């Protein structure tokens, strides 16, 4: 049977694990994660609950069939809900880092 090459990635706050694998054609994202050995190394990974999977930054189900050179990503759960954080900032009247601040005045062009 033909084989495909895939990568499995798991990013932690201080490091990133990247495992390159050869799997049989028809392998799923779950197969890749299981073959990577990351489940044994990081027992907190829970593919049926807390952790979601993606392929090249797009959410994917564990039973998604992989293609040659796919990168399976294991996502950690968010610490805080981004929507809730933005709402809280808005309620407190805080300016967010990107935009949202007072408009800068443009210097007037001097006519010569």
C-alpha atoms as a PDB file:
ATOM      1  CA  UNK A   1       0.000   0.000   0.000  1.00  0.00           C
ATOM      2  CA  UNK A   2       1.181   3.553  -0.734  1.00  0.00           C
ATOM      3  CA  UNK A   3       2.419   5.796   2.070  1.00  0.00           C
ATOM      4  CA  UNK A   4       2.041   9.488   2.810  1.00  0.00           C
ATOM      5  CA  UNK A   5       4.296  11.819   4.771  1.00  0.00           C
ATOM      6  CA  UNK A   6       2.693  14.018   7.435  1.00  0.00           C
ATOM      7  CA  UNK A   7       3.752  16.163  10.366  1.00  0.00           C
ATOM      8  CA  UNK A   8       2.102  16.318  13.773  1.00  0.00           C
ATOM      9  CA  UNK A   9       2.602  19.531  15.746  1.00  0.00           C
ATOM     10  CA  UNK A  10       1.855  20.343  19.383  1.00  0.00           C
ATOM     11  CA  UNK A  11       2.820  23.785  20.665  1.00  0.00           C
ATOM     12  CA  UNK A  12       3.384  24.460  24.346  1.00  0.00           C
ATOM     13  CA  UNK A  13       4.087  27.891  25.852  1.00  0.00           C
ATOM     14  CA  UNK A  14       7.850  27.263  25.985  1.00  0.00           C
ATOM     15  CA  UNK A  15       8.419  24.771  23.160  1.00  0.00           C
ATOM     16  CA  UNK A  16       6.992  23.112  20.081  1.00  0.00           C
ATOM     17  CA  UNK A  17       6.934  19.416  19.270  1.00  0.00           C
ATOM     18  CA  UNK A  18       7.082  18.523  15.586  1.00  0.00           C
ATOM     19  CA  UNK A  19       6.989  14.853  14.605  1.00  0.00           C
ATOM     20  CA  UNK A  20       7.415  13.712  11.009  1.00  0.00           C
ATOM     21  CA  UNK A  21       5.711  10.427  10.099  1.00  0.00           C
ATOM     22  CA  UNK A  22       5.130   8.058   7.215  1.00  0.00           C
ATOM     23  CA  UNK A  23       1.641   6.551   7.323  1.00  0.00           C
ATOM     24  CA  UNK A  24      -0.410   4.354   5.049  1.00  0.00           C
ATOM     25  CA  UNK A  25      -2.682   6.126   2.594  1.00  0.00           C
ATOM     26  CA  UNK A  26      -6.135   6.549   4.131  1.00  0.00           C
ATOM     27  CA  UNK A  27      -4.769   7.381   7.600  1.00  0.00           C
ATOM     28  CA  UNK A  28      -6.782   9.870   9.644  1.00  0.00           C
ATOM     29  CA  UNK A  29      -5.734  12.809  11.790  1.00  0.00           C
ATOM     30  CA  UNK A  30      -6.316  10.653  14.881  1.00  0.00           C
ATOM     31  CA  UNK A  31      -4.088   7.908  13.427  1.00  0.00           C
ATOM     32  CA  UNK A  32      -1.316  10.452  12.938  1.00  0.00           C
ATOM     33  CA  UNK A  33      -1.562  11.799  16.495  1.00  0.00           C
ATOM     34  CA  UNK A  34      -1.562   8.285  17.922  1.00  0.00           C
ATOM     35  CA  UNK A  35       1.435   7.248  15.774  1.00  0.00           C
ATOM     36  CA  UNK A  36       3.357  10.388  16.771  1.00  0.00           C
ATOM     37  CA  UNK A  37       3.789   9.249  20.390  1.00  0.00           C
ATOM     38  CA  UNK A  38       2.652  12.650  21.682  1.00  0.00           C
ATOM     39  CA  UNK A  39      -0.296  11.140  23.567  1.00  0.00           C
ATOM     40  CA  UNK A  40       2.143   9.145  25.715  1.00  0.00           C
ATOM     41  CA  UNK A  41       4.496  12.077  26.209  1.00  0.00           C
ATOM     42  CA  UNK A  42       1.705  14.559  27.036  1.00  0.00           C
ATOM     43  CA  UNK A  43      -1.111  12.705  28.856  1.00  0.00           C
ATOM     44  CA  UNK A  44      -3.088  15.962  29.160  1.00  0.00           C
ATOM     45  CA  UNK A  45      -3.924  15.788  25.425  1.00  0.00           C
ATOM     46  CA  UNK A  46      -7.568  14.730  25.120  1.00  0.00           C
ATOM     47  CA  UNK A  47      -8.700  14.309  21.520  1.00  0.00           C
ATOM     48  CA  UNK A  48     -12.260  13.489  22.581  1.00  0.00           C
ATOM     49  CA  UNK A  49     -12.657  16.535  24.790  1.00  0.00           C
ATOM     50  CA  UNK A  50     -10.446  19.519  25.496  1.00  0.00           C
ATOM     51  CA  UNK A  51      -8.132  19.489  22.478  1.00  0.00           C
ATOM     52  CA  UNK A  52      -9.178  20.211  18.926  1.00  0.00           C
ATOM     53  CA  UNK A  53      -7.285  19.246  15.793  1.00  0.00           C
ATOM     54  CA  UNK A  54      -6.502  21.206  12.680  1.00  0.00           C
ATOM     55  CA  UNK A  55      -4.791  20.728   9.358  1.00  0.00           C
ATOM     56  CA  UNK A  56      -2.787  23.755   8.266  1.00  0.00           C
ATOM     57  CA  UNK A  57      -4.637  26.062  10.726  1.00  0.00           C
ATOM     58  CA  UNK A  58      -8.134  24.924   9.708  1.00  0.00           C
ATOM     59  CA  UNK A  59     -10.192  22.956  12.215  1.00  0.00           C
ATOM     60  CA  UNK A  60     -10.552  19.306  11.274  1.00  0.00           C
ATOM     61  CA  UNK A  61     -12.260  16.293  12.785  1.00  0.00           C
ATOM     62  CA  UNK A  62     -10.208  13.410  14.108  1.00  0.00           C
ATOM     63  CA  UNK A  63     -11.573  11.139  11.369  1.00  0.00           C
ATOM     64  CA  UNK A  64     -10.425  13.449   8.535  1.00  0.00           C
ATOM     65  CA  UNK A  65      -8.420  11.451   5.994  1.00  0.00           C
ATOM     66  CA  UNK A  66      -4.967  12.928   5.489  1.00  0.00           C
ATOM     67  CA  UNK A  67      -3.147  13.746   2.276  1.00  0.00           C
ATOM     68  CA  UNK A  68       0.565  13.650   1.573  1.00  0.00           C
ATOM     69  CA  UNK A  69       2.457  16.480   3.335  1.00  0.00           C
ATOM     70  CA  UNK A  70      -0.441  17.518   5.605  1.00  0.00           C
ATOM     71  CA  UNK A  71       0.430  19.073   8.961  1.00  0.00           C
ATOM     72  CA  UNK A  72      -1.841  17.936  11.802  1.00  0.00           C
ATOM     73  CA  UNK A  73      -1.969  20.479  14.611  1.00  0.00           C
ATOM     74  CA  UNK A  74      -3.108  19.725  18.147  1.00  0.00           C
ATOM     75  CA  UNK A  75      -4.635  22.838  19.690  1.00  0.00           C
ATOM     76  CA  UNK A  76      -4.557  23.553  23.417  1.00  0.00           C
ATOM     77  CA  UNK A  77      -7.740  24.953  24.989  1.00  0.00           C
ATOM     78  CA  UNK A  78      -7.948  28.732  25.309  1.00  0.00           C
ATOM     79  CA  UNK A  79      -7.233  30.140  28.751  1.00  0.00           C
ATOM     80  CA  UNK A  80      -9.716  32.987  28.275  1.00  0.00           C
ATOM     81  CA  UNK A  81     -12.517  33.547  25.786  1.00  0.00           C
ATOM     82  CA  UNK A  82     -11.346  36.356  23.442  1.00  0.00           C
ATOM     83  CA  UNK A  83     -14.890  37.720  23.067  1.00  0.00           C
ATOM     84  CA  UNK A  84     -15.336  37.949  26.827  1.00  0.00           C
ATOM     85  CA  UNK A  85     -11.981  39.726  27.208  1.00  0.00           C
ATOM     86  CA  UNK A  86     -12.900  42.316  24.537  1.00  0.00           C
ATOM     87  CA  UNK A  87     -16.304  42.875  26.155  1.00  0.00           C
ATOM     88  CA  UNK A  88     -14.693  43.390  29.549  1.00  0.00           C
ATOM     89  CA  UNK A  89     -12.185  45.879  28.121  1.00  0.00           C
ATOM     90  CA  UNK A  90     -14.952  47.800  26.390  1.00  0.00           C
ATOM     91  CA  UNK A  91     -16.985  47.920  29.591  1.00  0.00           C
ATOM     92  CA  UNK A  92     -13.982  49.271  31.485  1.00  0.00           C
ATOM     93  CA  UNK A  93     -13.316  51.841  28.774  1.00  0.00           C
ATOM     94  CA  UNK A  94      -9.796  50.598  28.068  1.00  0.00           C
ATOM     95  CA  UNK A  95      -8.203  51.193  24.705  1.00  0.00           C
ATOM     96  CA  UNK A  96      -7.121  48.058  22.897  1.00  0.00           C
ATOM     97  CA  UNK A  97      -3.589  47.805  21.501  1.00  0.00           C
ATOM     98  CA  UNK A  98      -4.582  47.562  17.833  1.00  0.00           C
ATOM     99  CA  UNK A  99      -6.674  50.576  16.876  1.00  0.00           C
ATOM    100  CA  UNK A 100      -9.526  51.828  18.960  1.00  0.00           C
ATOM    101  CA  UNK A 101      -7.518  54.775  20.289  1.00  0.00           C
ATOM    102  CA  UNK A 102      -8.087  58.453  19.666  1.00  0.00           C
ATOM    103  CA  UNK A 103      -7.415  59.508  16.098  1.00  0.00           C
ATOM    104  CA  UNK A 104      -4.108  61.260  15.648  1.00  0.00           C
ATOM    105  CA  UNK A 105      -4.287  64.731  14.219  1.00  0.00           C
ATOM    106  CA  UNK A 106      -2.597  65.054  10.852  1.00  0.00           C
ATOM    107  CA  UNK A 107      -0.220  67.978  10.474  1.00  0.00           C
ATOM    108  CA  UNK A 108      -1.544  70.562   8.081  1.00  0.00           C
ATOM    109  CA  UNK A 109       0.259  70.852   4.795  1.00  0.00           C
ATOM    110  CA  UNK A 110       2.035  74.151   4.468  1.00  0.00           C
ATOM    111  CA  UNK A 111       1.407  75.957   1.227  1.00  0.00           C
ATOM    112  CA  UNK A 112       4.496  77.326  -0.464  1.00  0.00           C
END
